[in-house]
Amino acid sequence: MANDNTARDTDRVWDLMKKIGFAMLVTRDGDKLRARPMSAYLERDENAIYFLTDARRHKDEEITRNPGINLSFANASDQKYVSITGTAIVSNDRAKIKELFSTPAKAWWSSAEDPDIRVLKITPDEAEFWDSPGSVISYVKMAAAAMTGSRPDIGDNRKVAM
C-alpha cells in the first residue's frame, strides 16, 4: 500500500509540474538566495527537469559554486503548488539545446545555435506538493473553519522522495 501511495504521489508531482510549466529557480549567491522564473522541460523517464539558460547570467556561476537548488512551481488560482529540492548541473550539450529549443526559448534567443545558450539539468531529490480542490472551495472551507474554530481540510500536502 505504501508503494502504491508513493507511486501515486510521485505521479501527482510530475503531473502538477507539467500543468504549471514554469518554476521559480532558487540558487545561492553566497549567503543570499536568488530566485527567477524559468520555463521547465520535464523528462520523467530521466528523472530530470531541464531549463535553457544563458551563459551570460549569474545563475550558472551560482550553480557551479553550489549545485543545491530549489524549484517552486505555483498555480495560485487553482491552489496547486510543488516545491522541488535537487541538484543542478550546467552543460553546453548542443544536441539537448536543439531538442529543447521551442517557443518560450525564442523570447530570449533567435535560434538554438546561439553560443550563449546552456542547458540546466535538475535532478530532483525530494518534492513536496499542495493540491487543493481550488480557490473557491478552499475559501469556503477556510471560512467555515474560522467560524467553527476547526482546521480546514483544503487538499493534499505530502513529501515525496524522488
N, C-alpha and C. Protein backbone atom coordinates (compact mmCIF):
# COMPACT_ATOMS: atom_id res chain seq x y z
N MET A 1 0.82 -1.19 0.00
CA MET A 1 0.00 0.00 0.00
C MET A 1 0.87 1.26 0.00
N ALA A 2 1.93 1.26 0.82
CA ALA A 2 2.81 2.43 0.86
C ALA A 2 3.44 2.69 -0.50
N ASN A 3 3.84 1.62 -1.21
CA ASN A 3 4.43 1.79 -2.53
C ASN A 3 3.42 2.36 -3.52
N ASP A 4 2.14 1.94 -3.40
CA ASP A 4 1.09 2.48 -4.26
C ASP A 4 0.91 3.97 -4.00
N ASN A 5 0.90 4.35 -2.71
CA ASN A 5 0.75 5.76 -2.36
C ASN A 5 1.94 6.57 -2.82
N THR A 6 3.14 6.02 -2.66
CA THR A 6 4.35 6.71 -3.11
C THR A 6 4.33 6.91 -4.62
N ALA A 7 3.97 5.87 -5.35
CA ALA A 7 3.89 5.97 -6.80
C ALA A 7 2.83 6.98 -7.22
N ARG A 8 1.69 6.97 -6.55
CA ARG A 8 0.61 7.91 -6.85
C ARG A 8 1.05 9.35 -6.55
N ASP A 9 1.75 9.54 -5.42
CA ASP A 9 2.24 10.87 -5.07
C ASP A 9 3.30 11.35 -6.06
N THR A 10 4.19 10.46 -6.46
CA THR A 10 5.21 10.81 -7.45
C THR A 10 4.55 11.19 -8.77
N ASP A 11 3.54 10.42 -9.19
CA ASP A 11 2.80 10.75 -10.41
C ASP A 11 2.18 12.14 -10.29
N ARG A 12 1.62 12.44 -9.13
CA ARG A 12 0.95 13.72 -8.93
C ARG A 12 1.95 14.87 -9.01
N VAL A 13 3.15 14.68 -8.44
CA VAL A 13 4.19 15.72 -8.52
C VAL A 13 4.51 16.02 -9.99
N TRP A 14 4.77 14.99 -10.78
CA TRP A 14 5.11 15.20 -12.19
C TRP A 14 3.94 15.82 -12.95
N ASP A 15 2.71 15.40 -12.66
CA ASP A 15 1.54 15.97 -13.32
C ASP A 15 1.38 17.45 -13.00
N LEU A 16 1.54 17.79 -11.73
CA LEU A 16 1.41 19.20 -11.33
C LEU A 16 2.48 20.06 -11.99
N MET A 17 3.73 19.58 -12.00
CA MET A 17 4.80 20.36 -12.63
C MET A 17 4.50 20.58 -14.11
N LYS A 18 4.00 19.53 -14.78
CA LYS A 18 3.70 19.65 -16.21
C LYS A 18 2.59 20.66 -16.45
N LYS A 19 1.53 20.61 -15.64
CA LYS A 19 0.42 21.54 -15.81
C LYS A 19 0.83 22.98 -15.52
N ILE A 20 1.67 23.18 -14.54
CA ILE A 20 2.08 24.55 -14.18
C ILE A 20 3.10 25.08 -15.19
N GLY A 21 4.11 24.29 -15.52
CA GLY A 21 5.04 24.64 -16.59
C GLY A 21 6.18 25.58 -16.28
N PHE A 22 5.96 26.52 -15.39
CA PHE A 22 7.01 27.48 -15.04
C PHE A 22 7.37 27.32 -13.57
N ALA A 23 8.63 27.55 -13.26
CA ALA A 23 9.09 27.42 -11.88
C ALA A 23 9.97 28.61 -11.53
N MET A 24 9.99 28.91 -10.25
CA MET A 24 10.98 29.85 -9.73
C MET A 24 12.20 29.00 -9.36
N LEU A 25 13.32 29.26 -10.00
CA LEU A 25 14.57 28.57 -9.71
C LEU A 25 15.29 29.35 -8.63
N VAL A 26 15.57 28.69 -7.51
CA VAL A 26 16.24 29.34 -6.39
C VAL A 26 17.66 28.78 -6.28
N THR A 27 18.64 29.70 -6.32
CA THR A 27 20.05 29.34 -6.18
C THR A 27 20.64 30.14 -5.03
N ARG A 28 21.86 29.78 -4.66
CA ARG A 28 22.59 30.51 -3.62
C ARG A 28 23.62 31.41 -4.27
N ASP A 29 23.62 32.66 -3.81
CA ASP A 29 24.63 33.62 -4.22
C ASP A 29 25.35 34.04 -2.94
N GLY A 30 26.34 33.26 -2.56
CA GLY A 30 26.99 33.46 -1.27
C GLY A 30 26.01 33.09 -0.18
N ASP A 31 25.71 34.03 0.71
CA ASP A 31 24.75 33.80 1.79
C ASP A 31 23.32 34.14 1.38
N LYS A 32 23.14 34.68 0.20
CA LYS A 32 21.82 35.12 -0.25
C LYS A 32 21.18 34.07 -1.15
N LEU A 33 19.85 34.02 -1.09
CA LEU A 33 19.09 33.19 -2.01
C LEU A 33 18.57 34.08 -3.13
N ARG A 34 18.61 33.56 -4.36
CA ARG A 34 18.10 34.31 -5.52
C ARG A 34 17.13 33.43 -6.26
N ALA A 35 16.03 34.02 -6.71
CA ALA A 35 15.01 33.29 -7.46
C ALA A 35 14.69 34.01 -8.75
N ARG A 36 14.41 33.20 -9.77
CA ARG A 36 14.00 33.76 -11.05
C ARG A 36 13.09 32.76 -11.76
N PRO A 37 12.11 33.27 -12.55
CA PRO A 37 11.19 32.37 -13.26
C PRO A 37 11.87 31.72 -14.46
N MET A 38 11.55 30.44 -14.65
CA MET A 38 12.14 29.67 -15.74
C MET A 38 11.07 28.75 -16.33
N SER A 39 11.15 28.49 -17.62
CA SER A 39 10.25 27.57 -18.31
C SER A 39 10.82 26.15 -18.24
N ALA A 40 10.06 25.24 -17.65
CA ALA A 40 10.55 23.88 -17.38
C ALA A 40 10.26 22.92 -18.53
N TYR A 41 11.21 22.05 -18.79
CA TYR A 41 11.07 20.94 -19.73
C TYR A 41 11.25 19.66 -18.92
N LEU A 42 10.18 18.90 -18.80
CA LEU A 42 10.21 17.72 -17.93
C LEU A 42 10.55 16.46 -18.71
N GLU A 43 11.45 15.66 -18.14
CA GLU A 43 11.82 14.36 -18.70
C GLU A 43 11.72 13.34 -17.57
N ARG A 44 10.50 12.88 -17.32
CA ARG A 44 10.29 11.98 -16.19
C ARG A 44 11.09 10.69 -16.32
N ASP A 45 11.20 10.15 -17.53
CA ASP A 45 11.95 8.90 -17.72
C ASP A 45 13.41 9.05 -17.29
N GLU A 46 13.93 10.26 -17.34
CA GLU A 46 15.30 10.54 -16.92
C GLU A 46 15.37 11.05 -15.48
N ASN A 47 14.20 11.22 -14.83
CA ASN A 47 14.11 11.86 -13.52
C ASN A 47 14.85 13.20 -13.56
N ALA A 48 14.49 14.00 -14.58
CA ALA A 48 15.20 15.27 -14.79
C ALA A 48 14.23 16.37 -15.20
N ILE A 49 14.57 17.56 -14.78
CA ILE A 49 13.87 18.78 -15.20
C ILE A 49 14.93 19.66 -15.85
N TYR A 50 14.66 20.07 -17.08
CA TYR A 50 15.62 20.86 -17.83
C TYR A 50 15.14 22.30 -18.00
N PHE A 51 16.10 23.19 -18.12
CA PHE A 51 15.84 24.58 -18.44
C PHE A 51 16.91 25.02 -19.43
N LEU A 52 16.56 25.95 -20.30
CA LEU A 52 17.58 26.60 -21.10
C LEU A 52 17.96 27.87 -20.36
N THR A 53 19.25 28.15 -20.32
CA THR A 53 19.75 29.29 -19.57
C THR A 53 20.80 30.01 -20.42
N ASP A 54 21.18 31.17 -19.99
CA ASP A 54 22.13 31.99 -20.73
C ASP A 54 23.46 32.06 -19.97
N ALA A 55 24.53 31.74 -20.65
CA ALA A 55 25.86 31.71 -20.03
C ALA A 55 26.27 33.08 -19.50
N ARG A 56 25.63 34.14 -19.98
CA ARG A 56 25.99 35.50 -19.53
C ARG A 56 25.30 35.89 -18.23
N ARG A 57 24.47 35.02 -17.70
CA ARG A 57 23.74 35.32 -16.46
C ARG A 57 24.44 34.68 -15.27
N HIS A 58 24.17 35.19 -14.09
CA HIS A 58 24.89 34.77 -12.88
C HIS A 58 24.46 33.42 -12.34
N LYS A 59 23.27 32.94 -12.70
CA LYS A 59 22.80 31.68 -12.12
C LYS A 59 23.73 30.52 -12.44
N ASP A 60 24.34 30.53 -13.62
CA ASP A 60 25.25 29.45 -13.98
C ASP A 60 26.46 29.41 -13.04
N GLU A 61 26.99 30.59 -12.74
CA GLU A 61 28.12 30.67 -11.80
C GLU A 61 27.69 30.24 -10.39
N GLU A 62 26.50 30.66 -9.99
CA GLU A 62 26.00 30.29 -8.66
C GLU A 62 25.84 28.77 -8.54
N ILE A 63 25.34 28.14 -9.59
CA ILE A 63 25.14 26.69 -9.59
C ILE A 63 26.47 25.96 -9.57
N THR A 64 27.44 26.48 -10.28
CA THR A 64 28.76 25.86 -10.28
C THR A 64 29.36 25.87 -8.87
N ARG A 65 29.15 26.98 -8.15
CA ARG A 65 29.67 27.09 -6.78
C ARG A 65 28.86 26.26 -5.79
N ASN A 66 27.54 26.19 -5.99
CA ASN A 66 26.67 25.47 -5.07
C ASN A 66 25.52 24.86 -5.87
N PRO A 67 25.61 23.58 -6.25
CA PRO A 67 24.62 22.97 -7.13
C PRO A 67 23.28 22.62 -6.46
N GLY A 68 23.17 22.81 -5.16
CA GLY A 68 21.89 22.55 -4.49
C GLY A 68 20.89 23.65 -4.80
N ILE A 69 19.73 23.28 -5.33
CA ILE A 69 18.73 24.27 -5.75
C ILE A 69 17.35 23.93 -5.19
N ASN A 70 16.44 24.87 -5.38
CA ASN A 70 15.02 24.64 -5.13
C ASN A 70 14.26 25.14 -6.34
N LEU A 71 13.23 24.39 -6.73
CA LEU A 71 12.29 24.83 -7.75
C LEU A 71 10.93 24.98 -7.09
N SER A 72 10.26 26.09 -7.35
CA SER A 72 8.93 26.30 -6.80
C SER A 72 7.95 26.52 -7.95
N PHE A 73 7.06 25.56 -8.13
CA PHE A 73 6.00 25.65 -9.14
C PHE A 73 4.74 26.12 -8.43
N ALA A 74 4.01 27.08 -8.99
CA ALA A 74 2.82 27.58 -8.32
C ALA A 74 1.74 27.97 -9.32
N ASN A 75 0.54 27.51 -9.04
CA ASN A 75 -0.65 27.97 -9.74
C ASN A 75 -1.62 28.43 -8.67
N ALA A 76 -1.49 29.69 -8.29
CA ALA A 76 -2.26 30.22 -7.17
C ALA A 76 -3.76 30.21 -7.43
N SER A 77 -4.18 30.43 -8.66
CA SER A 77 -5.62 30.47 -8.95
C SER A 77 -6.28 29.11 -8.73
N ASP A 78 -5.53 28.03 -8.92
CA ASP A 78 -6.07 26.69 -8.69
C ASP A 78 -5.59 26.08 -7.37
N GLN A 79 -4.76 26.84 -6.62
CA GLN A 79 -4.23 26.36 -5.35
C GLN A 79 -3.43 25.05 -5.51
N LYS A 80 -2.53 25.04 -6.49
CA LYS A 80 -1.66 23.89 -6.76
C LYS A 80 -0.22 24.37 -6.66
N TYR A 81 0.58 23.66 -5.85
CA TYR A 81 1.97 24.07 -5.61
C TYR A 81 2.88 22.85 -5.52
N VAL A 82 4.10 22.98 -6.02
CA VAL A 82 5.12 21.94 -5.90
C VAL A 82 6.44 22.61 -5.57
N SER A 83 7.15 22.05 -4.60
CA SER A 83 8.49 22.51 -4.26
C SER A 83 9.44 21.33 -4.46
N ILE A 84 10.48 21.55 -5.23
CA ILE A 84 11.47 20.51 -5.54
C ILE A 84 12.81 20.91 -4.95
N THR A 85 13.45 19.99 -4.25
CA THR A 85 14.82 20.15 -3.81
C THR A 85 15.66 19.21 -4.67
N GLY A 86 16.75 19.73 -5.22
CA GLY A 86 17.55 18.88 -6.09
C GLY A 86 18.94 19.44 -6.34
N THR A 87 19.58 18.80 -7.31
CA THR A 87 20.94 19.15 -7.68
C THR A 87 20.95 19.57 -9.14
N ALA A 88 21.66 20.66 -9.43
CA ALA A 88 21.72 21.20 -10.79
C ALA A 88 23.12 21.08 -11.37
N ILE A 89 23.14 20.89 -12.69
CA ILE A 89 24.40 20.99 -13.43
C ILE A 89 24.14 21.81 -14.69
N VAL A 90 25.15 22.54 -15.10
CA VAL A 90 25.07 23.35 -16.31
C VAL A 90 25.95 22.68 -17.36
N SER A 91 25.42 22.56 -18.60
CA SER A 91 26.24 21.98 -19.66
C SER A 91 26.03 22.75 -20.96
N ASN A 92 26.91 22.47 -21.90
CA ASN A 92 26.84 23.06 -23.23
C ASN A 92 26.50 21.96 -24.24
N ASP A 93 25.57 21.09 -23.88
CA ASP A 93 25.15 19.97 -24.72
C ASP A 93 24.30 20.53 -25.87
N ARG A 94 24.93 20.73 -27.02
CA ARG A 94 24.27 21.39 -28.16
C ARG A 94 23.10 20.55 -28.69
N ALA A 95 23.19 19.24 -28.64
CA ALA A 95 22.08 18.39 -29.10
C ALA A 95 20.86 18.57 -28.19
N LYS A 96 21.09 18.63 -26.88
CA LYS A 96 19.98 18.82 -25.93
C LYS A 96 19.39 20.22 -26.10
N ILE A 97 20.22 21.20 -26.34
CA ILE A 97 19.73 22.56 -26.57
C ILE A 97 18.80 22.58 -27.77
N LYS A 98 19.20 21.95 -28.86
CA LYS A 98 18.35 21.90 -30.06
C LYS A 98 17.06 21.16 -29.77
N GLU A 99 17.14 20.09 -29.01
CA GLU A 99 15.95 19.31 -28.66
C GLU A 99 14.96 20.14 -27.85
N LEU A 100 15.45 20.95 -26.91
CA LEU A 100 14.60 21.71 -26.01
C LEU A 100 14.15 23.05 -26.57
N PHE A 101 14.83 23.54 -27.59
CA PHE A 101 14.54 24.87 -28.12
C PHE A 101 13.12 24.90 -28.69
N SER A 102 12.30 25.79 -28.13
CA SER A 102 10.90 25.88 -28.54
C SER A 102 10.43 27.33 -28.38
N THR A 103 9.14 27.55 -28.49
CA THR A 103 8.59 28.91 -28.45
C THR A 103 9.04 29.73 -27.24
N PRO A 104 8.99 29.19 -25.99
CA PRO A 104 9.45 30.03 -24.88
C PRO A 104 10.91 30.48 -25.04
N ALA A 105 11.76 29.63 -25.60
CA ALA A 105 13.17 29.98 -25.77
C ALA A 105 13.35 31.09 -26.80
N LYS A 106 12.46 31.17 -27.78
CA LYS A 106 12.57 32.19 -28.82
C LYS A 106 12.37 33.60 -28.28
N ALA A 107 11.81 33.71 -27.09
CA ALA A 107 11.68 35.03 -26.46
C ALA A 107 13.03 35.56 -26.02
N TRP A 108 14.01 34.66 -25.84
CA TRP A 108 15.32 35.05 -25.31
C TRP A 108 16.45 34.94 -26.33
N TRP A 109 16.35 33.99 -27.26
CA TRP A 109 17.41 33.77 -28.25
C TRP A 109 16.78 33.61 -29.63
N SER A 110 17.49 34.03 -30.66
CA SER A 110 16.94 33.96 -32.01
C SER A 110 16.98 32.55 -32.59
N SER A 111 17.92 31.72 -32.13
CA SER A 111 17.97 30.34 -32.62
C SER A 111 18.70 29.45 -31.62
N ALA A 112 18.55 28.16 -31.80
CA ALA A 112 19.23 27.18 -30.94
C ALA A 112 20.74 27.22 -31.14
N GLU A 113 21.19 27.89 -32.18
CA GLU A 113 22.62 27.99 -32.48
C GLU A 113 23.33 29.07 -31.66
N ASP A 114 22.57 29.87 -30.91
CA ASP A 114 23.17 30.93 -30.12
C ASP A 114 24.21 30.33 -29.18
N PRO A 115 25.46 30.81 -29.24
CA PRO A 115 26.54 30.20 -28.44
C PRO A 115 26.41 30.46 -26.93
N ASP A 116 25.51 31.36 -26.53
CA ASP A 116 25.36 31.65 -25.11
C ASP A 116 24.34 30.75 -24.40
N ILE A 117 23.60 29.94 -25.15
CA ILE A 117 22.60 29.07 -24.53
C ILE A 117 23.31 27.89 -23.85
N ARG A 118 22.86 27.59 -22.66
CA ARG A 118 23.32 26.43 -21.91
C ARG A 118 22.10 25.63 -21.45
N VAL A 119 22.34 24.38 -21.10
CA VAL A 119 21.30 23.52 -20.54
C VAL A 119 21.52 23.40 -19.05
N LEU A 120 20.46 23.59 -18.33
CA LEU A 120 20.48 23.41 -16.89
C LEU A 120 19.67 22.15 -16.60
N LYS A 121 20.31 21.15 -16.03
CA LYS A 121 19.63 19.88 -15.71
C LYS A 121 19.48 19.78 -14.20
N ILE A 122 18.24 19.60 -13.75
CA ILE A 122 17.94 19.43 -12.34
C ILE A 122 17.59 17.97 -12.10
N THR A 123 18.26 17.36 -11.15
CA THR A 123 17.90 16.02 -10.70
C THR A 123 17.21 16.18 -9.35
N PRO A 124 15.88 15.93 -9.32
CA PRO A 124 15.16 16.13 -8.06
C PRO A 124 15.49 15.05 -7.03
N ASP A 125 15.64 15.48 -5.78
CA ASP A 125 15.86 14.56 -4.66
C ASP A 125 14.56 14.34 -3.89
N GLU A 126 13.84 15.44 -3.68
CA GLU A 126 12.63 15.39 -2.88
C GLU A 126 11.65 16.44 -3.39
N ALA A 127 10.37 16.12 -3.25
CA ALA A 127 9.33 17.07 -3.63
C ALA A 127 8.34 17.19 -2.49
N GLU A 128 7.68 18.33 -2.44
CA GLU A 128 6.53 18.49 -1.56
C GLU A 128 5.47 19.17 -2.39
N PHE A 129 4.24 18.67 -2.29
CA PHE A 129 3.17 19.28 -3.06
C PHE A 129 1.97 19.59 -2.19
N TRP A 130 1.25 20.62 -2.65
CA TRP A 130 -0.01 21.04 -2.04
C TRP A 130 -1.02 21.04 -3.18
N ASP A 131 -2.07 20.27 -3.03
CA ASP A 131 -3.04 20.07 -4.10
C ASP A 131 -4.43 20.25 -3.53
N SER A 132 -5.00 21.41 -3.76
CA SER A 132 -6.31 21.73 -3.20
C SER A 132 -7.37 21.66 -4.29
N PRO A 133 -8.63 21.56 -3.91
CA PRO A 133 -9.70 21.48 -4.91
C PRO A 133 -9.95 22.79 -5.65
N GLY A 134 -9.27 23.86 -5.28
CA GLY A 134 -9.42 25.14 -5.98
C GLY A 134 -9.73 26.26 -5.01
N SER A 135 -9.59 27.47 -5.50
CA SER A 135 -9.71 28.66 -4.65
C SER A 135 -11.07 28.80 -3.99
N VAL A 136 -12.14 28.70 -4.74
CA VAL A 136 -13.47 28.94 -4.18
C VAL A 136 -13.77 27.94 -3.07
N ILE A 137 -13.56 26.67 -3.34
CA ILE A 137 -13.81 25.64 -2.33
C ILE A 137 -12.90 25.84 -1.12
N SER A 138 -11.63 26.15 -1.37
CA SER A 138 -10.69 26.37 -0.26
C SER A 138 -11.14 27.54 0.61
N TYR A 139 -11.57 28.64 -0.02
CA TYR A 139 -12.01 29.80 0.76
C TYR A 139 -13.26 29.49 1.57
N VAL A 140 -14.18 28.72 1.00
CA VAL A 140 -15.39 28.34 1.73
C VAL A 140 -15.01 27.48 2.93
N LYS A 141 -14.10 26.51 2.72
CA LYS A 141 -13.67 25.65 3.83
C LYS A 141 -12.93 26.44 4.90
N MET A 142 -12.11 27.43 4.49
CA MET A 142 -11.40 28.25 5.47
C MET A 142 -12.38 29.11 6.27
N ALA A 143 -13.38 29.67 5.59
CA ALA A 143 -14.37 30.48 6.29
C ALA A 143 -15.16 29.63 7.30
N ALA A 144 -15.55 28.42 6.88
CA ALA A 144 -16.29 27.53 7.78
C ALA A 144 -15.42 27.15 8.98
N ALA A 145 -14.15 26.88 8.73
CA ALA A 145 -13.24 26.53 9.82
C ALA A 145 -13.07 27.70 10.79
N ALA A 146 -12.98 28.91 10.25
CA ALA A 146 -12.83 30.09 11.11
C ALA A 146 -14.06 30.27 12.00
N MET A 147 -15.21 29.98 11.45
CA MET A 147 -16.46 30.15 12.22
C MET A 147 -16.62 29.06 13.28
N THR A 148 -16.11 27.86 12.99
CA THR A 148 -16.29 26.74 13.93
C THR A 148 -15.08 26.52 14.82
N GLY A 149 -13.98 27.23 14.55
CA GLY A 149 -12.77 27.03 15.36
C GLY A 149 -12.01 25.77 15.02
N SER A 150 -12.31 25.17 13.88
CA SER A 150 -11.59 23.95 13.47
C SER A 150 -10.57 24.30 12.39
N ARG A 151 -9.80 23.30 12.00
CA ARG A 151 -8.81 23.50 10.92
C ARG A 151 -9.44 23.03 9.62
N PRO A 152 -9.26 23.78 8.53
CA PRO A 152 -9.88 23.38 7.26
C PRO A 152 -9.12 22.24 6.59
N ASP A 153 -9.84 21.36 5.92
CA ASP A 153 -9.23 20.34 5.07
C ASP A 153 -9.30 20.89 3.65
N ILE A 154 -8.17 21.45 3.20
CA ILE A 154 -8.19 22.10 1.89
C ILE A 154 -7.32 21.39 0.87
N GLY A 155 -7.19 20.09 1.00
CA GLY A 155 -6.48 19.33 -0.01
C GLY A 155 -5.32 18.54 0.55
N ASP A 156 -4.55 17.98 -0.37
CA ASP A 156 -3.43 17.11 -0.02
C ASP A 156 -2.13 17.89 0.09
N ASN A 157 -1.31 17.48 1.05
CA ASN A 157 0.04 18.02 1.21
C ASN A 157 0.91 16.85 1.62
N ARG A 158 1.90 16.51 0.76
CA ARG A 158 2.78 15.40 1.07
C ARG A 158 4.18 15.64 0.58
N LYS A 159 5.14 15.00 1.26
CA LYS A 159 6.53 14.98 0.82
C LYS A 159 6.76 13.68 0.08
N VAL A 160 7.57 13.73 -0.98
CA VAL A 160 7.81 12.58 -1.83
C VAL A 160 9.29 12.49 -2.15
N ALA A 161 9.89 11.34 -1.89
CA ALA A 161 11.27 11.12 -2.33
C ALA A 161 11.24 10.88 -3.83
N MET A 162 12.09 11.55 -4.54
CA MET A 162 12.10 11.43 -5.99
C MET A 162 13.24 10.53 -6.42
